[in-house]
Amino acid sequence: MLYFPMVKTTYPSWLPWVGGEPFEFFSPIFNIADMAISTGVITLLVFQKRFYRRVQTSSSLESAA
């Protein structure tokens, strides 16, 4: 598990409902396997056309002409 707390501070006291409470930016905990799956899915979505190109056969070229 990976934990990346970037900013740890408190809300200003003048804010309604949350004033004075602690605030931590980017506090989720990530699993390395979940990061690998997410990276793979994003890569597939970005490069989808490269992975799934249509291959033209000679019969499809003749029928198109």
PDB file of N, CA and C in Angstrom:
ATOM      1  N   MET A   1       0.833  -1.180   0.000  1.00  0.00           N
ATOM      2  CA  MET A   1       0.000   0.000   0.000  1.00  0.00           C
ATOM      3  C   MET A   1       0.880   1.246   0.000  1.00  0.00           C
ATOM      4  N   LEU A   2       0.444   2.239  -0.731  1.00  0.00           N
ATOM      5  CA  LEU A   2       1.164   3.495  -0.823  1.00  0.00           C
ATOM      6  C   LEU A   2       0.290   4.618  -0.273  1.00  0.00           C
ATOM      7  N   TYR A   3       0.899   5.535   0.448  1.00  0.00           N
ATOM      8  CA  TYR A   3       0.177   6.641   1.068  1.00  0.00           C
ATOM      9  C   TYR A   3       0.913   7.925   0.741  1.00  0.00           C
ATOM     10  N   PHE A   4       0.221   8.870   0.103  1.00  0.00           N
ATOM     11  CA  PHE A   4       0.854  10.101  -0.365  1.00  0.00           C
ATOM     12  C   PHE A   4       0.174  11.341   0.214  1.00  0.00           C
ATOM     13  N   PRO A   5       0.410  11.691   1.464  1.00  0.00           N
ATOM     14  CA  PRO A   5      -0.170  12.951   1.956  1.00  0.00           C
ATOM     15  C   PRO A   5       0.655  14.133   1.440  1.00  0.00           C
ATOM     16  N   MET A   6       0.059  14.991   0.644  1.00  0.00           N
ATOM     17  CA  MET A   6       0.798  16.108   0.060  1.00  0.00           C
ATOM     18  C   MET A   6       0.719  17.364   0.915  1.00  0.00           C
ATOM     19  N   VAL A   7      -0.464  17.715   1.375  1.00  0.00           N
ATOM     20  CA  VAL A   7      -0.642  18.922   2.188  1.00  0.00           C
ATOM     21  C   VAL A   7      -1.460  18.541   3.409  1.00  0.00           C
ATOM     22  N   LYS A   8      -0.949  18.828   4.589  1.00  0.00           N
ATOM     23  CA  LYS A   8      -1.665  18.563   5.835  1.00  0.00           C
ATOM     24  C   LYS A   8      -1.803  19.889   6.574  1.00  0.00           C
ATOM     25  N   THR A   9      -3.030  20.379   6.703  1.00  0.00           N
ATOM     26  CA  THR A   9      -3.280  21.689   7.290  1.00  0.00           C
ATOM     27  C   THR A   9      -4.654  21.683   7.945  1.00  0.00           C
ATOM     28  N   THR A  10      -5.131  22.836   8.364  1.00  0.00           N
ATOM     29  CA  THR A  10      -6.483  22.969   8.899  1.00  0.00           C
ATOM     30  C   THR A  10      -7.242  24.002   8.079  1.00  0.00           C
ATOM     31  N   TYR A  11      -8.550  23.832   8.049  1.00  0.00           N
ATOM     32  CA  TYR A  11      -9.391  24.809   7.367  1.00  0.00           C
ATOM     33  C   TYR A  11      -9.361  26.121   8.150  1.00  0.00           C
ATOM     34  N   PRO A  12      -9.478  27.258   7.469  1.00  0.00           N
ATOM     35  CA  PRO A  12      -9.553  28.532   8.191  1.00  0.00           C
ATOM     36  C   PRO A  12     -10.792  28.568   9.094  1.00  0.00           C
ATOM     37  N   SER A  13     -10.677  29.237  10.201  1.00  0.00           N
ATOM     38  CA  SER A  13     -11.774  29.253  11.179  1.00  0.00           C
ATOM     39  C   SER A  13     -12.995  30.019  10.687  1.00  0.00           C
ATOM     40  N   TRP A  14     -12.853  30.876   9.692  1.00  0.00           N
ATOM     41  CA  TRP A  14     -13.988  31.656   9.204  1.00  0.00           C
ATOM     42  C   TRP A  14     -14.883  30.864   8.242  1.00  0.00           C
ATOM     43  N   LEU A  15     -14.477  29.655   7.811  1.00  0.00           N
ATOM     44  CA  LEU A  15     -15.326  28.847   6.925  1.00  0.00           C
ATOM     45  C   LEU A  15     -16.464  28.217   7.721  1.00  0.00           C
ATOM     46  N   PRO A  16     -17.686  28.298   7.193  1.00  0.00           N
ATOM     47  CA  PRO A  16     -18.798  27.660   7.905  1.00  0.00           C
ATOM     48  C   PRO A  16     -18.707  26.132   7.797  1.00  0.00           C
ATOM     49  N   TRP A  17     -19.200  25.427   8.772  1.00  0.00           N
ATOM     50  CA  TRP A  17     -19.300  23.974   8.891  1.00  0.00           C
ATOM     51  C   TRP A  17     -17.957  23.261   9.050  1.00  0.00           C
ATOM     52  N   VAL A  18     -16.888  23.692   8.391  1.00  0.00           N
ATOM     53  CA  VAL A  18     -15.615  22.968   8.459  1.00  0.00           C
ATOM     54  C   VAL A  18     -14.498  23.793   9.081  1.00  0.00           C
ATOM     55  N   GLY A  19     -14.777  24.996   9.534  1.00  0.00           N
ATOM     56  CA  GLY A  19     -13.746  25.880  10.064  1.00  0.00           C
ATOM     57  C   GLY A  19     -13.003  25.289  11.254  1.00  0.00           C
ATOM     58  N   GLY A  20     -11.683  25.273  11.160  1.00  0.00           N
ATOM     59  CA  GLY A  20     -10.844  24.786  12.241  1.00  0.00           C
ATOM     60  C   GLY A  20     -10.588  23.288  12.218  1.00  0.00           C
ATOM     61  N   GLU A  21     -11.267  22.548  11.343  1.00  0.00           N
ATOM     62  CA  GLU A  21     -11.064  21.102  11.266  1.00  0.00           C
ATOM     63  C   GLU A  21      -9.818  20.778  10.437  1.00  0.00           C
ATOM     64  N   PRO A  22      -9.192  19.656  10.710  1.00  0.00           N
ATOM     65  CA  PRO A  22      -8.002  19.281   9.924  1.00  0.00           C
ATOM     66  C   PRO A  22      -8.360  18.925   8.485  1.00  0.00           C
ATOM     67  N   PHE A  23      -7.458  19.208   7.577  1.00  0.00           N
ATOM     68  CA  PHE A  23      -7.642  18.938   6.154  1.00  0.00           C
ATOM     69  C   PHE A  23      -6.369  18.302   5.613  1.00  0.00           C
ATOM     70  N   GLU A  24      -6.530  17.227   4.884  1.00  0.00           N
ATOM     71  CA  GLU A  24      -5.385  16.550   4.280  1.00  0.00           C
ATOM     72  C   GLU A  24      -5.657  16.358   2.799  1.00  0.00           C
ATOM     73  N   PHE A  25      -4.836  16.994   1.955  1.00  0.00           N
ATOM     74  CA  PHE A  25      -5.006  16.906   0.511  1.00  0.00           C
ATOM     75  C   PHE A  25      -4.387  15.622   0.012  1.00  0.00           C
ATOM     76  N   PHE A  26      -5.125  14.890  -0.798  1.00  0.00           N
ATOM     77  CA  PHE A  26      -4.679  13.649  -1.412  1.00  0.00           C
ATOM     78  C   PHE A  26      -4.368  12.599  -0.359  1.00  0.00           C
ATOM     79  N   SER A  27      -5.368  12.236   0.416  1.00  0.00           N
ATOM     80  CA  SER A  27      -5.161  11.280   1.491  1.00  0.00           C
ATOM     81  C   SER A  27      -5.513   9.838   1.160  1.00  0.00           C
ATOM     82  N   PRO A  28      -5.978   9.489  -0.045  1.00  0.00           N
ATOM     83  CA  PRO A  28      -6.316   8.087  -0.273  1.00  0.00           C
ATOM     84  C   PRO A  28      -5.089   7.183  -0.247  1.00  0.00           C
ATOM     85  N   ILE A  29      -5.323   5.929   0.032  1.00  0.00           N
ATOM     86  CA  ILE A  29      -4.266   4.930   0.041  1.00  0.00           C
ATOM     87  C   ILE A  29      -4.420   4.099  -1.226  1.00  0.00           C
ATOM     88  N   PHE A  30      -3.326   3.915  -1.963  1.00  0.00           N
ATOM     89  CA  PHE A  30      -3.361   3.191  -3.220  1.00  0.00           C
ATOM     90  C   PHE A  30      -2.664   1.856  -3.106  1.00  0.00           C
ATOM     91  N   ASN A  31      -3.226   0.857  -3.737  1.00  0.00           N
ATOM     92  CA  ASN A  31      -2.626  -0.446  -3.830  1.00  0.00           C
ATOM     93  C   ASN A  31      -1.856  -0.495  -5.156  1.00  0.00           C
ATOM     94  N   ILE A  32      -0.683  -1.107  -5.159  1.00  0.00           N
ATOM     95  CA  ILE A  32       0.132  -1.147  -6.373  1.00  0.00           C
ATOM     96  C   ILE A  32      -0.589  -1.916  -7.481  1.00  0.00           C
ATOM     97  N   ALA A  33      -1.298  -2.984  -7.154  1.00  0.00           N
ATOM     98  CA  ALA A  33      -2.030  -3.744  -8.168  1.00  0.00           C
ATOM     99  C   ALA A  33      -3.146  -2.901  -8.778  1.00  0.00           C
ATOM    100  N   ASP A  34      -3.840  -2.112  -7.966  1.00  0.00           N
ATOM    101  CA  ASP A  34      -4.891  -1.237  -8.491  1.00  0.00           C
ATOM    102  C   ASP A  34      -4.310  -0.173  -9.413  1.00  0.00           C
ATOM    103  N   MET A  35      -3.138   0.354  -9.066  1.00  0.00           N
ATOM    104  CA  MET A  35      -2.489   1.335  -9.939  1.00  0.00           C
ATOM    105  C   MET A  35      -2.117   0.700 -11.276  1.00  0.00           C
ATOM    106  N   ALA A  36      -1.643  -0.541 -11.275  1.00  0.00           N
ATOM    107  CA  ALA A  36      -1.268  -1.214 -12.515  1.00  0.00           C
ATOM    108  C   ALA A  36      -2.488  -1.462 -13.394  1.00  0.00           C
ATOM    109  N   ILE A  37      -3.594  -1.874 -12.806  1.00  0.00           N
ATOM    110  CA  ILE A  37      -4.819  -2.094 -13.580  1.00  0.00           C
ATOM    111  C   ILE A  37      -5.326  -0.782 -14.156  1.00  0.00           C
ATOM    112  N   SER A  38      -5.340   0.274 -13.356  1.00  0.00           N
ATOM    113  CA  SER A  38      -5.805   1.579 -13.838  1.00  0.00           C
ATOM    114  C   SER A  38      -4.917   2.102 -14.961  1.00  0.00           C
ATOM    115  N   THR A  39      -3.607   1.950 -14.817  1.00  0.00           N
ATOM    116  CA  THR A  39      -2.682   2.388 -15.868  1.00  0.00           C
ATOM    117  C   THR A  39      -2.908   1.604 -17.146  1.00  0.00           C
ATOM    118  N   GLY A  40      -3.130   0.303 -17.041  1.00  0.00           N
ATOM    119  CA  GLY A  40      -3.385  -0.519 -18.224  1.00  0.00           C
ATOM    120  C   GLY A  40      -4.668  -0.134 -18.933  1.00  0.00           C
ATOM    121  N   VAL A  41      -5.725   0.118 -18.182  1.00  0.00           N
ATOM    122  CA  VAL A  41      -7.005   0.511 -18.790  1.00  0.00           C
ATOM    123  C   VAL A  41      -6.878   1.868 -19.469  1.00  0.00           C
ATOM    124  N   ILE A  42      -6.225   2.814 -18.824  1.00  0.00           N
ATOM    125  CA  ILE A  42      -6.033   4.139 -19.428  1.00  0.00           C
ATOM    126  C   ILE A  42      -5.193   4.031 -20.686  1.00  0.00           C
ATOM    127  N   THR A  43      -4.155   3.200 -20.667  1.00  0.00           N
ATOM    128  CA  THR A  43      -3.312   3.007 -21.852  1.00  0.00           C
ATOM    129  C   THR A  43      -4.123   2.412 -22.992  1.00  0.00           C
ATOM    130  N   LEU A  44      -4.959   1.420 -22.700  1.00  0.00           N
ATOM    131  CA  LEU A  44      -5.802   0.836 -23.749  1.00  0.00           C
ATOM    132  C   LEU A  44      -6.764   1.857 -24.334  1.00  0.00           C
ATOM    133  N   LEU A  45      -7.335   2.705 -23.495  1.00  0.00           N
ATOM    134  CA  LEU A  45      -8.268   3.712 -23.992  1.00  0.00           C
ATOM    135  C   LEU A  45      -7.567   4.761 -24.853  1.00  0.00           C
ATOM    136  N   VAL A  46      -6.377   5.169 -24.462  1.00  0.00           N
ATOM    137  CA  VAL A  46      -5.662   6.209 -25.198  1.00  0.00           C
ATOM    138  C   VAL A  46      -5.169   5.674 -26.540  1.00  0.00           C
ATOM    139  N   PHE A  47      -4.631   4.456 -26.548  1.00  0.00           N
ATOM    140  CA  PHE A  47      -4.040   3.899 -27.766  1.00  0.00           C
ATOM    141  C   PHE A  47      -4.930   2.851 -28.415  1.00  0.00           C
ATOM    142  N   GLN A  48      -6.239   2.977 -28.280  1.00  0.00           N
ATOM    143  CA  GLN A  48      -7.177   1.974 -28.761  1.00  0.00           C
ATOM    144  C   GLN A  48      -7.071   1.754 -30.267  1.00  0.00           C
ATOM    145  N   LYS A  49      -6.956   2.791 -31.041  1.00  0.00           N
ATOM    146  CA  LYS A  49      -6.890   2.629 -32.498  1.00  0.00           C
ATOM    147  C   LYS A  49      -5.626   1.905 -32.920  1.00  0.00           C
ATOM    148  N   ARG A  50      -4.542   2.118 -32.208  1.00  0.00           N
ATOM    149  CA  ARG A  50      -3.294   1.443 -32.553  1.00  0.00           C
ATOM    150  C   ARG A  50      -3.392  -0.056 -32.276  1.00  0.00           C
ATOM    151  N   PHE A  51      -4.070  -0.450 -31.199  1.00  0.00           N
ATOM    152  CA  PHE A  51      -4.173  -1.854 -30.835  1.00  0.00           C
ATOM    153  C   PHE A  51      -5.180  -2.609 -31.702  1.00  0.00           C
ATOM    154  N   TYR A  52      -6.217  -1.933 -32.166  1.00  0.00           N
ATOM    155  CA  TYR A  52      -7.294  -2.591 -32.887  1.00  0.00           C
ATOM    156  C   TYR A  52      -7.410  -2.071 -34.316  1.00  0.00           C
ATOM    157  N   ARG A  53      -6.319  -2.067 -35.035  1.00  0.00           N
ATOM    158  CA  ARG A  53      -6.368  -1.654 -36.435  1.00  0.00           C
ATOM    159  C   ARG A  53      -7.048  -2.727 -37.265  1.00  0.00           C
ATOM    160  N   ARG A  54      -7.784  -2.299 -38.283  1.00  0.00           N
ATOM    161  CA  ARG A  54      -8.392  -3.248 -39.209  1.00  0.00           C
ATOM    162  C   ARG A  54      -7.374  -3.617 -40.272  1.00  0.00           C
ATOM    163  N   VAL A  55      -7.283  -4.884 -40.523  1.00  0.00           N
ATOM    164  CA  VAL A  55      -6.372  -5.368 -41.551  1.00  0.00           C
ATOM    165  C   VAL A  55      -7.180  -5.598 -42.808  1.00  0.00           C
ATOM    166  N   GLN A  56      -6.802  -4.927 -43.901  1.00  0.00           N
ATOM    167  CA  GLN A  56      -7.516  -5.084 -45.161  1.00  0.00           C
ATOM    168  C   GLN A  56      -6.974  -6.295 -45.902  1.00  0.00           C
ATOM    169  N   THR A  57      -7.872  -7.149 -46.316  1.00  0.00           N
ATOM    170  CA  THR A  57      -7.472  -8.316 -47.090  1.00  0.00           C
ATOM    171  C   THR A  57      -7.635  -8.014 -48.563  1.00  0.00           C
ATOM    172  N   SER A  58      -7.077  -8.855 -49.404  1.00  0.00           N
ATOM    173  CA  SER A  58      -7.151  -8.612 -50.844  1.00  0.00           C
ATOM    174  C   SER A  58      -8.582  -8.733 -51.353  1.00  0.00           C
ATOM    175  N   SER A  59      -9.417  -9.612 -50.741  1.00  0.00           N
ATOM    176  CA  SER A  59     -10.798  -9.749 -51.182  1.00  0.00           C
ATOM    177  C   SER A  59     -11.617  -8.505 -50.866  1.00  0.00           C
ATOM    178  N   SER A  60     -11.325  -7.840 -49.744  1.00  0.00           N
ATOM    179  CA  SER A  60     -12.064  -6.628 -49.413  1.00  0.00           C
ATOM    180  C   SER A  60     -11.620  -5.472 -50.310  1.00  0.00           C
ATOM    181  N   LEU A  61     -10.378  -5.469 -50.752  1.00  0.00           N
ATOM    182  CA  LEU A  61      -9.920  -4.438 -51.677  1.00  0.00           C
ATOM    183  C   LEU A  61     -10.536  -4.610 -53.046  1.00  0.00           C
ATOM    184  N   GLU A  62     -10.718  -5.839 -53.495  1.00  0.00           N
ATOM    185  CA  GLU A  62     -11.319  -6.088 -54.804  1.00  0.00           C
ATOM    186  C   GLU A  62     -12.809  -5.753 -54.808  1.00  0.00           C
ATOM    187  N   SER A  63     -13.510  -6.045 -53.727  1.00  0.00           N
ATOM    188  CA  SER A  63     -14.939  -5.767 -53.666  1.00  0.00           C
ATOM    189  C   SER A  63     -15.213  -4.269 -53.556  1.00  0.00           C
ATOM    190  N   ALA A  64     -14.261  -3.510 -52.996  1.00  0.00           N
ATOM    191  CA  ALA A  64     -14.445  -2.070 -52.865  1.00  0.00           C
ATOM    192  C   ALA A  64     -14.261  -1.362 -54.202  1.00  0.00           C
ATOM    193  N   ALA A  65     -13.502  -1.940 -55.108  1.00  0.00           N
ATOM    194  CA  ALA A  65     -13.200  -1.291 -56.388  1.00  0.00           C
ATOM    195  C   ALA A  65     -14.266  -1.502 -57.410  1.00  0.00           C
TER     196      ALA A  65
END
